[in-house]
Amino acid sequence: MLDTARSQRIKSTFLTALAAADGAAAPYPHWHLEATIPDDVVEAIVGLPFAPPEDAVFDGRREANNQARIFFGKEVQKEHAVAADLAAALGDEEVVAALQATCDVDLSQGQLRIEYCMDRDGFWLEPHTDIAVKQFTMLIYLSGEPELADAGTDVYDTDLNLVATSPYGKGIGFIFIPSETSWHGFRKRPINGIRRSLIVNFVAPEWRSVEELA
């Protein structure tokens, strides 16, 4: 059942973080956010009864483990209130309007998709731009352990030179608009713990995997 008060707190916290976001234009437009969602919401998500897959395939693509991926779709929202509260907040029309204004993107036809990721040592992601049907991408990092301070998303230029690594920490966010230049990934390096994150997308109406949608 939707907790309206918590959903409103998530919305308010996110709008405050977005208004204070640190934007950069190179190598493609992206934004860093602090305190993206309330700490108690982070803890509630981390406390959900999901575990990192034991037999994950590490080949540089998330699709290699599609059968084990976790999305905050309608069924998960029915079972776990925090998923419903988060989806209601991030899909709120005021939030969508603020994202459109901040990121200069049209999300009027976008559909919300939220994935919960738990990456362990061995995981890596090859540089990629995100497929065209994704209109918006935001990562919200959930782990606060200092051992994971270097576990942020890697940002590349069009020659695939590493330009920067986004800060990683509890509640930190990283936004970009998928394009031909939005190269990003996670280069091979030790992960000292569980790299927990949310991947928040708005996807175009032609998105086929409707069971993933929030």
C-alpha atoms as a PDB file:
ATOM      1  CA  MET A   1       0.000   0.000   0.000  1.00  0.00           C
ATOM      2  CA  LEU A   2       1.279   3.444  -0.901  1.00  0.00           C
ATOM      3  CA  ASP A   3       2.596   5.484   2.027  1.00  0.00           C
ATOM      4  CA  THR A   4       1.640   8.936   0.789  1.00  0.00           C
ATOM      5  CA  ALA A   5       3.627  10.749   3.470  1.00  0.00           C
ATOM      6  CA  ARG A   6       6.825   8.855   2.656  1.00  0.00           C
ATOM      7  CA  SER A   7       6.297   9.319  -1.063  1.00  0.00           C
ATOM      8  CA  GLN A   8       5.938  13.061  -0.519  1.00  0.00           C
ATOM      9  CA  ARG A   9       9.158  13.110   1.525  1.00  0.00           C
ATOM     10  CA  ILE A  10      10.973  11.317  -1.274  1.00  0.00           C
ATOM     11  CA  LYS A  11       9.611  13.803  -3.773  1.00  0.00           C
ATOM     12  CA  SER A  12      10.582  16.812  -1.665  1.00  0.00           C
ATOM     13  CA  THR A  13      14.066  15.469  -0.965  1.00  0.00           C
ATOM     14  CA  PHE A  14      14.658  14.703  -4.610  1.00  0.00           C
ATOM     15  CA  LEU A  15      13.468  18.096  -5.831  1.00  0.00           C
ATOM     16  CA  THR A  16      15.793  19.792  -3.343  1.00  0.00           C
ATOM     17  CA  ALA A  17      18.728  17.669  -4.516  1.00  0.00           C
ATOM     18  CA  LEU A  18      17.940  18.303  -8.171  1.00  0.00           C
ATOM     19  CA  ALA A  19      17.744  22.064  -7.634  1.00  0.00           C
ATOM     20  CA  ALA A  20      21.238  21.971  -6.123  1.00  0.00           C
ATOM     21  CA  ALA A  21      22.689  19.527  -8.670  1.00  0.00           C
ATOM     22  CA  ASP A  22      26.222  20.097  -9.934  1.00  0.00           C
ATOM     23  CA  GLY A  23      26.058  20.007 -13.731  1.00  0.00           C
ATOM     24  CA  ALA A  24      28.859  19.599 -16.268  1.00  0.00           C
ATOM     25  CA  ALA A  25      28.818  19.870 -20.060  1.00  0.00           C
ATOM     26  CA  ALA A  26      31.779  17.663 -20.971  1.00  0.00           C
ATOM     27  CA  PRO A  27      32.263  15.074 -22.290  1.00  0.00           C
ATOM     28  CA  TYR A  28      28.436  15.129 -22.398  1.00  0.00           C
ATOM     29  CA  PRO A  29      25.870  16.832 -20.163  1.00  0.00           C
ATOM     30  CA  HIS A  30      25.632  15.158 -16.771  1.00  0.00           C
ATOM     31  CA  TRP A  31      24.696  16.062 -13.213  1.00  0.00           C
ATOM     32  CA  HIS A  32      25.774  14.979  -9.733  1.00  0.00           C
ATOM     33  CA  LEU A  33      23.306  15.088  -6.844  1.00  0.00           C
ATOM     34  CA  GLU A  34      23.733  14.781  -3.092  1.00  0.00           C
ATOM     35  CA  ALA A  35      21.140  13.369  -0.673  1.00  0.00           C
ATOM     36  CA  THR A  36      18.976  12.300  -3.602  1.00  0.00           C
ATOM     37  CA  ILE A  37      16.493  10.358  -1.467  1.00  0.00           C
ATOM     38  CA  PRO A  38      16.009  10.252   2.330  1.00  0.00           C
ATOM     39  CA  ASP A  39      18.375   8.050   4.334  1.00  0.00           C
ATOM     40  CA  ASP A  40      15.546   5.978   5.799  1.00  0.00           C
ATOM     41  CA  VAL A  41      14.331   5.205   2.278  1.00  0.00           C
ATOM     42  CA  VAL A  42      17.821   4.081   1.308  1.00  0.00           C
ATOM     43  CA  GLU A  43      17.859   1.803   4.354  1.00  0.00           C
ATOM     44  CA  ALA A  44      14.419   0.426   3.510  1.00  0.00           C
ATOM     45  CA  ILE A  45      15.551  -0.442  -0.012  1.00  0.00           C
ATOM     46  CA  VAL A  46      18.765  -2.045   1.226  1.00  0.00           C
ATOM     47  CA  GLY A  47      16.663  -4.038   3.698  1.00  0.00           C
ATOM     48  CA  LEU A  48      14.458  -5.579   1.016  1.00  0.00           C
ATOM     49  CA  PRO A  49      14.645  -9.402   0.872  1.00  0.00           C
ATOM     50  CA  PHE A  50      16.773  -9.522  -2.264  1.00  0.00           C
ATOM     51  CA  ALA A  51      20.316 -10.855  -2.496  1.00  0.00           C
ATOM     52  CA  PRO A  52      23.063 -10.526  -5.098  1.00  0.00           C
ATOM     53  CA  PRO A  53      22.876 -13.392  -7.607  1.00  0.00           C
ATOM     54  CA  GLU A  54      25.203 -16.225  -6.657  1.00  0.00           C
ATOM     55  CA  ASP A  55      25.942 -17.364 -10.211  1.00  0.00           C
ATOM     56  CA  ALA A  56      26.175 -14.021 -12.000  1.00  0.00           C
ATOM     57  CA  VAL A  57      27.897 -13.897 -15.374  1.00  0.00           C
ATOM     58  CA  PHE A  58      30.464 -11.109 -15.654  1.00  0.00           C
ATOM     59  CA  ASP A  59      30.881 -10.336 -19.342  1.00  0.00           C
ATOM     60  CA  GLY A  60      30.523  -6.557 -19.287  1.00  0.00           C
ATOM     61  CA  ARG A  61      26.753  -6.531 -19.938  1.00  0.00           C
ATOM     62  CA  ARG A  62      23.852  -6.484 -17.498  1.00  0.00           C
ATOM     63  CA  GLU A  63      21.768  -8.391 -20.049  1.00  0.00           C
ATOM     64  CA  ALA A  64      23.852 -11.503 -19.360  1.00  0.00           C
ATOM     65  CA  ASN A  65      21.958 -11.821 -16.065  1.00  0.00           C
ATOM     66  CA  ASN A  66      18.474 -10.827 -17.193  1.00  0.00           C
ATOM     67  CA  GLN A  67      16.823 -13.700 -15.333  1.00  0.00           C
ATOM     68  CA  ALA A  68      18.150 -12.399 -11.998  1.00  0.00           C
ATOM     69  CA  ARG A  69      17.535  -8.667 -12.439  1.00  0.00           C
ATOM     70  CA  ILE A  70      15.199  -6.849 -10.052  1.00  0.00           C
ATOM     71  CA  PHE A  71      12.801  -4.160 -11.244  1.00  0.00           C
ATOM     72  CA  PHE A  72      10.359  -2.164  -9.146  1.00  0.00           C
ATOM     73  CA  GLY A  73       7.467  -3.137 -11.392  1.00  0.00           C
ATOM     74  CA  LYS A  74       3.845  -3.445 -10.359  1.00  0.00           C
ATOM     75  CA  GLU A  75       4.223  -6.834  -8.664  1.00  0.00           C
ATOM     76  CA  VAL A  76       7.227  -5.761  -6.581  1.00  0.00           C
ATOM     77  CA  GLN A  77       5.395  -2.566  -5.637  1.00  0.00           C
ATOM     78  CA  LYS A  78       2.455  -4.628  -4.348  1.00  0.00           C
ATOM     79  CA  GLU A  79       4.781  -6.611  -2.091  1.00  0.00           C
ATOM     80  CA  HIS A  80       7.123  -3.836  -0.946  1.00  0.00           C
ATOM     81  CA  ALA A  81       5.731  -0.428  -0.048  1.00  0.00           C
ATOM     82  CA  VAL A  82       9.047   1.384  -0.390  1.00  0.00           C
ATOM     83  CA  ALA A  83       9.168   0.434  -4.071  1.00  0.00           C
ATOM     84  CA  ALA A  84       5.683   1.861  -4.592  1.00  0.00           C
ATOM     85  CA  ASP A  85       6.537   5.022  -2.663  1.00  0.00           C
ATOM     86  CA  LEU A  86       9.703   5.591  -4.685  1.00  0.00           C
ATOM     87  CA  ALA A  87       7.932   5.010  -7.995  1.00  0.00           C
ATOM     88  CA  ALA A  88       5.118   7.387  -7.059  1.00  0.00           C
ATOM     89  CA  ALA A  89       7.609  10.090  -6.112  1.00  0.00           C
ATOM     90  CA  LEU A  90       9.867   9.812  -9.156  1.00  0.00           C
ATOM     91  CA  GLY A  91       6.912   9.552 -11.514  1.00  0.00           C
ATOM     92  CA  ASP A  92       5.168  12.568 -10.007  1.00  0.00           C
ATOM     93  CA  GLU A  93       4.344  15.242 -12.582  1.00  0.00           C
ATOM     94  CA  GLU A  94       6.214  17.923 -10.619  1.00  0.00           C
ATOM     95  CA  VAL A  95       9.345  15.762 -10.542  1.00  0.00           C
ATOM     96  CA  VAL A  96       9.068  15.001 -14.252  1.00  0.00           C
ATOM     97  CA  ALA A  97       8.654  18.705 -15.008  1.00  0.00           C
ATOM     98  CA  ALA A  98      11.740  19.540 -12.939  1.00  0.00           C
ATOM     99  CA  LEU A  99      13.782  16.876 -14.716  1.00  0.00           C
ATOM    100  CA  GLN A 100      12.697  18.207 -18.094  1.00  0.00           C
ATOM    101  CA  ALA A 101      13.651  21.758 -17.139  1.00  0.00           C
ATOM    102  CA  THR A 102      16.990  20.824 -15.576  1.00  0.00           C
ATOM    103  CA  CYS A 103      18.111  18.371 -18.240  1.00  0.00           C
ATOM    104  CA  ASP A 104      16.454  19.984 -21.284  1.00  0.00           C
ATOM    105  CA  VAL A 105      14.746  16.731 -22.227  1.00  0.00           C
ATOM    106  CA  ASP A 106      11.207  15.837 -23.277  1.00  0.00           C
ATOM    107  CA  LEU A 107       9.785  13.154 -20.988  1.00  0.00           C
ATOM    108  CA  SER A 108       6.140  13.786 -21.818  1.00  0.00           C
ATOM    109  CA  GLN A 109       5.796  10.288 -23.298  1.00  0.00           C
ATOM    110  CA  GLY A 110       8.305   8.654 -20.972  1.00  0.00           C
ATOM    111  CA  GLN A 111       7.528   5.621 -18.831  1.00  0.00           C
ATOM    112  CA  LEU A 112       9.305   5.115 -15.510  1.00  0.00           C
ATOM    113  CA  ARG A 113      11.566   2.095 -15.021  1.00  0.00           C
ATOM    114  CA  ILE A 114      13.523   1.430 -11.815  1.00  0.00           C
ATOM    115  CA  GLU A 115      16.094  -1.344 -11.447  1.00  0.00           C
ATOM    116  CA  TYR A 116      17.703  -2.365  -8.156  1.00  0.00           C
ATOM    117  CA  CYS A 117      21.288  -3.545  -8.674  1.00  0.00           C
ATOM    118  CA  MET A 118      23.590  -5.379  -6.282  1.00  0.00           C
ATOM    119  CA  ASP A 119      26.982  -5.759  -7.921  1.00  0.00           C
ATOM    120  CA  ARG A 120      29.741  -7.777  -6.299  1.00  0.00           C
ATOM    121  CA  ASP A 121      33.426  -8.296  -6.987  1.00  0.00           C
ATOM    122  CA  GLY A 122      34.005  -9.395 -10.574  1.00  0.00           C
ATOM    123  CA  PHE A 123      31.293  -7.162 -12.021  1.00  0.00           C
ATOM    124  CA  TRP A 124      32.202  -4.737 -14.778  1.00  0.00           C
ATOM    125  CA  LEU A 125      30.416  -2.906 -17.582  1.00  0.00           C
ATOM    126  CA  GLU A 126      31.892  -2.242 -20.985  1.00  0.00           C
ATOM    127  CA  PRO A 127      31.611   1.357 -22.221  1.00  0.00           C
ATOM    128  CA  HIS A 128      28.197   1.939 -23.790  1.00  0.00           C
ATOM    129  CA  THR A 129      25.828   4.833 -24.453  1.00  0.00           C
ATOM    130  CA  ASP A 130      22.443   3.304 -23.473  1.00  0.00           C
ATOM    131  CA  ILE A 131      19.967   2.282 -26.139  1.00  0.00           C
ATOM    132  CA  ALA A 132      17.974   4.959 -27.951  1.00  0.00           C
ATOM    133  CA  VAL A 133      14.647   3.965 -26.375  1.00  0.00           C
ATOM    134  CA  LYS A 134      15.991   5.208 -23.030  1.00  0.00           C
ATOM    135  CA  GLN A 135      15.198   8.913 -22.743  1.00  0.00           C
ATOM    136  CA  PHE A 136      16.736   9.561 -19.324  1.00  0.00           C
ATOM    137  CA  THR A 137      19.138   7.738 -17.003  1.00  0.00           C
ATOM    138  CA  MET A 138      19.849   8.340 -13.330  1.00  0.00           C
ATOM    139  CA  LEU A 139      21.861   6.224 -10.944  1.00  0.00           C
ATOM    140  CA  ILE A 140      21.234   6.511  -7.229  1.00  0.00           C
ATOM    141  CA  TYR A 141      23.938   4.876  -5.144  1.00  0.00           C
ATOM    142  CA  LEU A 142      22.862   3.144  -1.948  1.00  0.00           C
ATOM    143  CA  SER A 143      25.987   1.922  -0.156  1.00  0.00           C
ATOM    144  CA  GLY A 144      27.854   4.182   2.240  1.00  0.00           C
ATOM    145  CA  GLU A 145      30.850   2.038   3.114  1.00  0.00           C
ATOM    146  CA  PRO A 146      34.152   3.908   2.587  1.00  0.00           C
ATOM    147  CA  GLU A 147      35.594   0.806   0.905  1.00  0.00           C
ATOM    148  CA  LEU A 148      33.228   1.509  -2.011  1.00  0.00           C
ATOM    149  CA  ALA A 149      34.212   5.153  -2.499  1.00  0.00           C
ATOM    150  CA  ASP A 150      35.704   4.377  -5.929  1.00  0.00           C
ATOM    151  CA  ALA A 151      32.664   2.416  -7.149  1.00  0.00           C
ATOM    152  CA  GLY A 152      31.002   5.191  -9.135  1.00  0.00           C
ATOM    153  CA  THR A 153      30.134   5.146 -12.820  1.00  0.00           C
ATOM    154  CA  ASP A 154      32.992   5.763 -15.247  1.00  0.00           C
ATOM    155  CA  VAL A 155      32.537   8.561 -17.788  1.00  0.00           C
ATOM    156  CA  TYR A 156      34.273   8.318 -21.176  1.00  0.00           C
ATOM    157  CA  ASP A 157      34.775  10.579 -24.159  1.00  0.00           C
ATOM    158  CA  THR A 158      33.911   9.474 -27.696  1.00  0.00           C
ATOM    159  CA  ASP A 159      37.393   7.948 -28.079  1.00  0.00           C
ATOM    160  CA  LEU A 160      36.645   5.852 -24.978  1.00  0.00           C
ATOM    161  CA  ASN A 161      39.242   7.621 -22.879  1.00  0.00           C
ATOM    162  CA  LEU A 162      38.325   7.617 -19.206  1.00  0.00           C
ATOM    163  CA  VAL A 163      37.454  11.207 -18.291  1.00  0.00           C
ATOM    164  CA  ALA A 164      36.037  10.897 -14.780  1.00  0.00           C
ATOM    165  CA  THR A 165      34.403   8.594 -12.271  1.00  0.00           C
ATOM    166  CA  SER A 166      31.251   9.796 -10.577  1.00  0.00           C
ATOM    167  CA  PRO A 167      31.384  10.043  -6.785  1.00  0.00           C
ATOM    168  CA  TYR A 168      29.914   7.014  -5.040  1.00  0.00           C
ATOM    169  CA  GLY A 169      28.244   7.107  -1.650  1.00  0.00           C
ATOM    170  CA  LYS A 170      24.945   6.702   0.135  1.00  0.00           C
ATOM    171  CA  GLY A 171      22.285   8.793  -1.591  1.00  0.00           C
ATOM    172  CA  ILE A 172      24.556  10.244  -4.280  1.00  0.00           C
ATOM    173  CA  GLY A 173      22.974  10.535  -7.725  1.00  0.00           C
ATOM    174  CA  PHE A 174      24.350  10.707 -11.269  1.00  0.00           C
ATOM    175  CA  ILE A 175      22.169  11.824 -14.193  1.00  0.00           C
ATOM    176  CA  PHE A 176      22.746  11.913 -17.929  1.00  0.00           C
ATOM    177  CA  ILE A 177      20.632  11.971 -21.054  1.00  0.00           C
ATOM    178  CA  PRO A 178      21.407   9.012 -23.343  1.00  0.00           C
ATOM    179  CA  SER A 179      22.848  10.091 -26.675  1.00  0.00           C
ATOM    180  CA  GLU A 180      25.488   9.108 -29.209  1.00  0.00           C
ATOM    181  CA  THR A 181      28.148  10.596 -26.926  1.00  0.00           C
ATOM    182  CA  SER A 182      26.996   9.400 -23.476  1.00  0.00           C
ATOM    183  CA  TRP A 183      29.672   6.745 -23.072  1.00  0.00           C
ATOM    184  CA  HIS A 184      29.792   5.274 -19.582  1.00  0.00           C
ATOM    185  CA  GLY A 185      30.562   1.991 -17.871  1.00  0.00           C
ATOM    186  CA  PHE A 186      32.383   0.403 -14.959  1.00  0.00           C
ATOM    187  CA  ARG A 187      35.957  -0.585 -15.685  1.00  0.00           C
ATOM    188  CA  LYS A 188      37.362  -3.762 -14.148  1.00  0.00           C
ATOM    189  CA  ARG A 189      38.497  -3.107 -10.587  1.00  0.00           C
ATOM    190  CA  PRO A 190      37.941  -4.663  -7.166  1.00  0.00           C
ATOM    191  CA  ILE A 191      34.547  -4.130  -5.537  1.00  0.00           C
ATOM    192  CA  ASN A 192      35.073  -4.227  -1.789  1.00  0.00           C
ATOM    193  CA  GLY A 193      31.563  -5.104  -0.713  1.00  0.00           C
ATOM    194  CA  ILE A 194      28.203  -4.951  -2.474  1.00  0.00           C
ATOM    195  CA  ARG A 195      27.803  -2.056  -4.913  1.00  0.00           C
ATOM    196  CA  ARG A 196      24.125  -1.257  -4.463  1.00  0.00           C
ATOM    197  CA  SER A 197      22.394   1.194  -6.766  1.00  0.00           C
ATOM    198  CA  LEU A 198      19.146   2.107  -8.440  1.00  0.00           C
ATOM    199  CA  ILE A 199      19.045   2.693 -12.178  1.00  0.00           C
ATOM    200  CA  VAL A 200      16.168   5.023 -12.958  1.00  0.00           C
ATOM    201  CA  ASN A 201      15.109   5.420 -16.577  1.00  0.00           C
ATOM    202  CA  PHE A 202      12.329   7.040 -18.473  1.00  0.00           C
ATOM    203  CA  VAL A 203      11.791   4.951 -21.593  1.00  0.00           C
ATOM    204  CA  ALA A 204       9.877   5.613 -24.790  1.00  0.00           C
ATOM    205  CA  PRO A 205       6.402   4.130 -25.434  1.00  0.00           C
ATOM    206  CA  GLU A 206       7.858   1.417 -27.683  1.00  0.00           C
ATOM    207  CA  TRP A 207       9.624  -0.206 -24.715  1.00  0.00           C
ATOM    208  CA  ARG A 208       8.724  -3.884 -24.977  1.00  0.00           C
ATOM    209  CA  SER A 209       9.476  -5.272 -21.516  1.00  0.00           C
ATOM    210  CA  VAL A 210       6.411  -3.731 -19.920  1.00  0.00           C
ATOM    211  CA  GLU A 211       6.731  -5.926 -16.821  1.00  0.00           C
ATOM    212  CA  GLU A 212       9.791  -3.839 -15.899  1.00  0.00           C
ATOM    213  CA  LEU A 213       7.875  -0.565 -15.858  1.00  0.00           C
ATOM    214  CA  ALA A 214       6.949   1.166 -12.623  1.00  0.00           C
END
